[in-house]
Amino acid sequence: MEQEVPPIIEIIPKIKGFWCRIAMFSLYGLLTFTPFLVGSWLGYSYNIVIGIAFFLFLTLVSGVISSKMRVCSIPFEQREMSYSTMAIVKWYLAKNICLKN
């Protein structure tokens, strides 16, 4: 019987450097808080139904962007594992933007 070698699991990369950490927190903040802030502002300014609709729409858009970032950066063997938004942002920045680390 042939024994299979399990795939090597990479750990979540650490983000080093001032500008890379600024980019990490900015991208995480945009993905996480933009739907709530825009929905709250539109709900307060115009109509609560419009605010809720934009909140739901922007939450969907944020999820699609997060999913695309996940596919672009996380190794194929690890894509089925559960990752938080911050972990996805760290993977994306380490693999695509902050390459010197």
N, C-alpha and C. Protein backbone atom coordinates (compact mmCIF):
# COMPACT_ATOMS: atom_id res chain seq x y z
N MET A 1 0.84 -1.18 0.00
CA MET A 1 0.00 0.00 0.00
C MET A 1 0.89 1.25 0.00
N GLU A 2 0.54 2.18 -0.81
CA GLU A 2 1.33 3.39 -0.97
C GLU A 2 0.94 4.42 0.09
N GLN A 3 1.94 4.95 0.78
CA GLN A 3 1.67 5.96 1.81
C GLN A 3 1.74 7.34 1.19
N GLU A 4 0.74 8.16 1.54
CA GLU A 4 0.72 9.53 1.03
C GLU A 4 1.40 10.46 2.02
N VAL A 5 2.15 11.38 1.49
CA VAL A 5 2.79 12.39 2.32
C VAL A 5 1.81 13.53 2.49
N PRO A 6 1.53 13.93 3.73
CA PRO A 6 0.59 15.04 3.92
C PRO A 6 1.20 16.34 3.41
N PRO A 7 0.35 17.24 2.91
CA PRO A 7 0.87 18.51 2.40
C PRO A 7 1.46 19.37 3.52
N ILE A 8 2.41 20.16 3.17
CA ILE A 8 3.05 21.05 4.14
C ILE A 8 2.13 22.24 4.37
N ILE A 9 1.83 22.48 5.63
CA ILE A 9 0.94 23.59 6.01
C ILE A 9 1.80 24.81 6.33
N GLU A 10 1.54 25.89 5.62
CA GLU A 10 2.25 27.14 5.89
C GLU A 10 1.50 27.91 6.96
N ILE A 11 2.25 28.61 7.80
CA ILE A 11 1.61 29.44 8.83
C ILE A 11 1.27 30.79 8.23
N ILE A 12 0.40 31.51 8.92
CA ILE A 12 0.02 32.86 8.47
C ILE A 12 1.25 33.75 8.56
N PRO A 13 1.61 34.42 7.49
CA PRO A 13 2.84 35.24 7.51
C PRO A 13 2.70 36.45 8.42
N LYS A 14 3.83 36.85 8.98
CA LYS A 14 3.87 38.06 9.80
C LYS A 14 4.17 39.24 8.89
N ILE A 15 3.46 40.32 9.10
CA ILE A 15 3.65 41.53 8.30
C ILE A 15 4.65 42.42 9.03
N LYS A 16 5.74 42.74 8.35
CA LYS A 16 6.79 43.58 8.93
C LYS A 16 6.89 44.86 8.12
N GLY A 17 7.34 45.88 8.75
CA GLY A 17 7.50 47.16 8.07
C GLY A 17 6.34 48.09 8.37
N PHE A 18 6.65 49.36 8.50
CA PHE A 18 5.65 50.35 8.88
C PHE A 18 4.55 50.47 7.84
N TRP A 19 4.92 50.63 6.57
CA TRP A 19 3.92 50.85 5.53
C TRP A 19 3.09 49.60 5.25
N CYS A 20 3.69 48.46 5.41
CA CYS A 20 2.93 47.22 5.22
C CYS A 20 1.91 47.04 6.34
N ARG A 21 2.28 47.42 7.56
CA ARG A 21 1.32 47.33 8.67
C ARG A 21 0.20 48.36 8.51
N ILE A 22 0.54 49.55 8.02
CA ILE A 22 -0.49 50.56 7.73
C ILE A 22 -1.45 50.02 6.66
N ALA A 23 -0.90 49.42 5.62
CA ALA A 23 -1.74 48.84 4.56
C ALA A 23 -2.60 47.72 5.10
N MET A 24 -2.07 46.91 6.02
CA MET A 24 -2.82 45.80 6.59
C MET A 24 -4.03 46.31 7.37
N PHE A 25 -3.81 47.27 8.25
CA PHE A 25 -4.93 47.79 9.05
C PHE A 25 -5.91 48.59 8.20
N SER A 26 -5.41 49.29 7.18
CA SER A 26 -6.31 50.04 6.30
C SER A 26 -7.21 49.10 5.49
N LEU A 27 -6.63 48.08 4.91
CA LEU A 27 -7.40 47.13 4.12
C LEU A 27 -8.40 46.36 4.98
N TYR A 28 -7.97 45.98 6.18
CA TYR A 28 -8.88 45.29 7.11
C TYR A 28 -10.03 46.22 7.51
N GLY A 29 -9.72 47.47 7.80
CA GLY A 29 -10.76 48.43 8.17
C GLY A 29 -11.74 48.68 7.04
N LEU A 30 -11.23 48.79 5.82
CA LEU A 30 -12.12 49.00 4.68
C LEU A 30 -13.05 47.81 4.46
N LEU A 31 -12.50 46.61 4.54
CA LEU A 31 -13.34 45.42 4.32
C LEU A 31 -14.37 45.22 5.43
N THR A 32 -14.01 45.60 6.65
CA THR A 32 -14.86 45.31 7.79
C THR A 32 -15.87 46.41 8.09
N PHE A 33 -15.41 47.65 8.09
CA PHE A 33 -16.25 48.73 8.60
C PHE A 33 -16.95 49.57 7.55
N THR A 34 -16.53 49.50 6.30
CA THR A 34 -17.16 50.31 5.26
C THR A 34 -18.66 50.03 5.09
N PRO A 35 -19.11 48.76 5.04
CA PRO A 35 -20.56 48.54 4.90
C PRO A 35 -21.36 49.15 6.04
N PHE A 36 -20.87 49.02 7.26
CA PHE A 36 -21.59 49.56 8.41
C PHE A 36 -21.62 51.10 8.37
N LEU A 37 -20.47 51.71 8.09
CA LEU A 37 -20.41 53.18 8.10
C LEU A 37 -21.24 53.79 6.98
N VAL A 38 -21.15 53.24 5.77
CA VAL A 38 -21.92 53.78 4.65
C VAL A 38 -23.41 53.53 4.85
N GLY A 39 -23.77 52.33 5.33
CA GLY A 39 -25.17 52.03 5.60
C GLY A 39 -25.75 52.91 6.68
N SER A 40 -24.97 53.17 7.74
CA SER A 40 -25.43 54.05 8.82
C SER A 40 -25.61 55.48 8.32
N TRP A 41 -24.65 55.95 7.55
CA TRP A 41 -24.73 57.32 7.05
C TRP A 41 -25.93 57.50 6.11
N LEU A 42 -26.13 56.55 5.19
CA LEU A 42 -27.26 56.66 4.28
C LEU A 42 -28.59 56.48 5.01
N GLY A 43 -28.62 55.60 6.00
CA GLY A 43 -29.84 55.42 6.79
C GLY A 43 -30.20 56.66 7.58
N TYR A 44 -29.21 57.34 8.10
CA TYR A 44 -29.45 58.57 8.85
C TYR A 44 -29.81 59.73 7.94
N SER A 45 -29.10 59.83 6.81
CA SER A 45 -29.29 60.97 5.92
C SER A 45 -30.56 60.88 5.08
N TYR A 46 -30.85 59.70 4.57
CA TYR A 46 -31.96 59.58 3.62
C TYR A 46 -33.12 58.79 4.19
N ASN A 47 -32.93 57.49 4.29
CA ASN A 47 -34.03 56.63 4.70
C ASN A 47 -33.42 55.36 5.28
N ILE A 48 -34.03 54.82 6.31
CA ILE A 48 -33.48 53.63 6.96
C ILE A 48 -33.47 52.42 6.02
N VAL A 49 -34.46 52.33 5.13
CA VAL A 49 -34.51 51.21 4.18
C VAL A 49 -33.35 51.29 3.20
N ILE A 50 -33.04 52.48 2.73
CA ILE A 50 -31.90 52.67 1.83
C ILE A 50 -30.60 52.32 2.55
N GLY A 51 -30.49 52.71 3.81
CA GLY A 51 -29.30 52.38 4.60
C GLY A 51 -29.12 50.88 4.77
N ILE A 52 -30.20 50.17 5.07
CA ILE A 52 -30.13 48.72 5.23
C ILE A 52 -29.79 48.05 3.90
N ALA A 53 -30.38 48.54 2.81
CA ALA A 53 -30.10 47.97 1.49
C ALA A 53 -28.62 48.14 1.12
N PHE A 54 -28.08 49.34 1.34
CA PHE A 54 -26.68 49.56 1.02
C PHE A 54 -25.76 48.77 1.94
N PHE A 55 -26.15 48.63 3.21
CA PHE A 55 -25.36 47.81 4.13
C PHE A 55 -25.28 46.37 3.64
N LEU A 56 -26.40 45.80 3.25
CA LEU A 56 -26.41 44.42 2.77
C LEU A 56 -25.62 44.27 1.46
N PHE A 57 -25.80 45.23 0.55
CA PHE A 57 -25.08 45.18 -0.72
C PHE A 57 -23.58 45.30 -0.50
N LEU A 58 -23.15 46.24 0.33
CA LEU A 58 -21.72 46.42 0.56
C LEU A 58 -21.12 45.27 1.36
N THR A 59 -21.91 44.62 2.20
CA THR A 59 -21.43 43.42 2.88
C THR A 59 -21.18 42.31 1.87
N LEU A 60 -22.05 42.17 0.89
CA LEU A 60 -21.85 41.20 -0.18
C LEU A 60 -20.60 41.53 -0.99
N VAL A 61 -20.42 42.80 -1.35
CA VAL A 61 -19.24 43.21 -2.11
C VAL A 61 -17.97 42.96 -1.30
N SER A 62 -18.01 43.26 -0.01
CA SER A 62 -16.85 43.01 0.85
C SER A 62 -16.52 41.52 0.91
N GLY A 63 -17.53 40.68 0.96
CA GLY A 63 -17.30 39.23 0.97
C GLY A 63 -16.70 38.73 -0.34
N VAL A 64 -17.15 39.29 -1.45
CA VAL A 64 -16.60 38.89 -2.75
C VAL A 64 -15.14 39.31 -2.86
N ILE A 65 -14.82 40.52 -2.43
CA ILE A 65 -13.43 40.99 -2.47
C ILE A 65 -12.55 40.14 -1.56
N SER A 66 -13.04 39.82 -0.37
CA SER A 66 -12.30 38.97 0.55
C SER A 66 -12.08 37.58 -0.05
N SER A 67 -13.08 37.05 -0.72
CA SER A 67 -12.96 35.74 -1.35
C SER A 67 -11.92 35.77 -2.47
N LYS A 68 -11.91 36.81 -3.28
CA LYS A 68 -10.93 36.93 -4.35
C LYS A 68 -9.51 37.05 -3.78
N MET A 69 -9.38 37.81 -2.68
CA MET A 69 -8.07 37.93 -2.03
C MET A 69 -7.61 36.58 -1.49
N ARG A 70 -8.54 35.81 -0.97
CA ARG A 70 -8.23 34.48 -0.43
C ARG A 70 -7.73 33.55 -1.53
N VAL A 71 -8.40 33.55 -2.68
CA VAL A 71 -8.01 32.68 -3.78
C VAL A 71 -6.65 33.10 -4.35
N CYS A 72 -6.37 34.39 -4.38
CA CYS A 72 -5.12 34.88 -4.96
C CYS A 72 -3.90 34.62 -4.08
N SER A 73 -4.10 34.42 -2.77
CA SER A 73 -2.93 34.42 -1.90
C SER A 73 -2.74 33.16 -1.07
N ILE A 74 -3.79 32.49 -0.65
CA ILE A 74 -3.63 31.33 0.23
C ILE A 74 -3.27 30.11 -0.63
N PRO A 75 -2.28 29.31 -0.18
CA PRO A 75 -1.89 28.12 -0.95
C PRO A 75 -3.07 27.17 -1.17
N PHE A 76 -3.01 26.45 -2.28
CA PHE A 76 -4.13 25.61 -2.69
C PHE A 76 -4.50 24.56 -1.64
N GLU A 77 -3.51 23.99 -0.97
CA GLU A 77 -3.77 22.94 0.00
C GLU A 77 -4.49 23.46 1.24
N GLN A 78 -4.43 24.76 1.48
CA GLN A 78 -4.99 25.34 2.70
C GLN A 78 -6.27 26.13 2.47
N ARG A 79 -6.80 26.13 1.29
CA ARG A 79 -7.98 26.96 1.00
C ARG A 79 -9.23 26.50 1.72
N GLU A 80 -9.31 25.24 2.09
CA GLU A 80 -10.50 24.74 2.78
C GLU A 80 -10.50 25.06 4.27
N MET A 81 -9.38 25.53 4.78
CA MET A 81 -9.31 25.90 6.20
C MET A 81 -10.03 27.23 6.42
N SER A 82 -10.49 27.43 7.63
CA SER A 82 -11.21 28.65 7.98
C SER A 82 -10.23 29.74 8.40
N TYR A 83 -10.35 30.91 7.79
CA TYR A 83 -9.49 32.04 8.12
C TYR A 83 -10.33 33.26 8.41
N SER A 84 -9.86 34.11 9.31
CA SER A 84 -10.55 35.37 9.59
C SER A 84 -10.19 36.38 8.50
N THR A 85 -10.89 37.51 8.52
CA THR A 85 -10.61 38.56 7.54
C THR A 85 -9.20 39.10 7.71
N MET A 86 -8.75 39.26 8.95
CA MET A 86 -7.39 39.75 9.19
C MET A 86 -6.36 38.77 8.66
N ALA A 87 -6.59 37.48 8.81
CA ALA A 87 -5.65 36.48 8.30
C ALA A 87 -5.62 36.51 6.77
N ILE A 88 -6.76 36.68 6.14
CA ILE A 88 -6.81 36.77 4.67
C ILE A 88 -6.05 38.00 4.19
N VAL A 89 -6.21 39.11 4.89
CA VAL A 89 -5.49 40.34 4.54
C VAL A 89 -3.99 40.13 4.70
N LYS A 90 -3.57 39.47 5.77
CA LYS A 90 -2.14 39.21 5.98
C LYS A 90 -1.58 38.32 4.87
N TRP A 91 -2.29 37.26 4.51
CA TRP A 91 -1.84 36.40 3.42
C TRP A 91 -1.72 37.21 2.13
N TYR A 92 -2.73 38.02 1.83
CA TYR A 92 -2.74 38.77 0.58
C TYR A 92 -1.58 39.75 0.52
N LEU A 93 -1.38 40.50 1.59
CA LEU A 93 -0.29 41.49 1.58
C LEU A 93 1.07 40.82 1.52
N ALA A 94 1.24 39.73 2.24
CA ALA A 94 2.54 39.05 2.26
C ALA A 94 2.87 38.42 0.90
N LYS A 95 1.88 37.89 0.22
CA LYS A 95 2.13 37.21 -1.06
C LYS A 95 2.14 38.14 -2.27
N ASN A 96 1.42 39.27 -2.20
CA ASN A 96 1.24 40.09 -3.39
C ASN A 96 1.80 41.51 -3.29
N ILE A 97 1.84 42.10 -2.12
CA ILE A 97 2.22 43.50 -2.02
C ILE A 97 3.56 43.68 -1.31
N CYS A 98 3.68 43.15 -0.11
CA CYS A 98 4.90 43.30 0.68
C CYS A 98 5.81 42.09 0.43
N LEU A 99 6.39 42.03 -0.72
CA LEU A 99 7.17 40.86 -1.13
C LEU A 99 8.55 40.80 -0.50
N LYS A 100 9.05 41.90 0.03
CA LYS A 100 10.41 41.91 0.58
C LYS A 100 10.50 41.23 1.93
N ASN A 101 9.35 40.93 2.58
CA ASN A 101 9.39 40.34 3.93
C ASN A 101 9.65 38.86 3.87
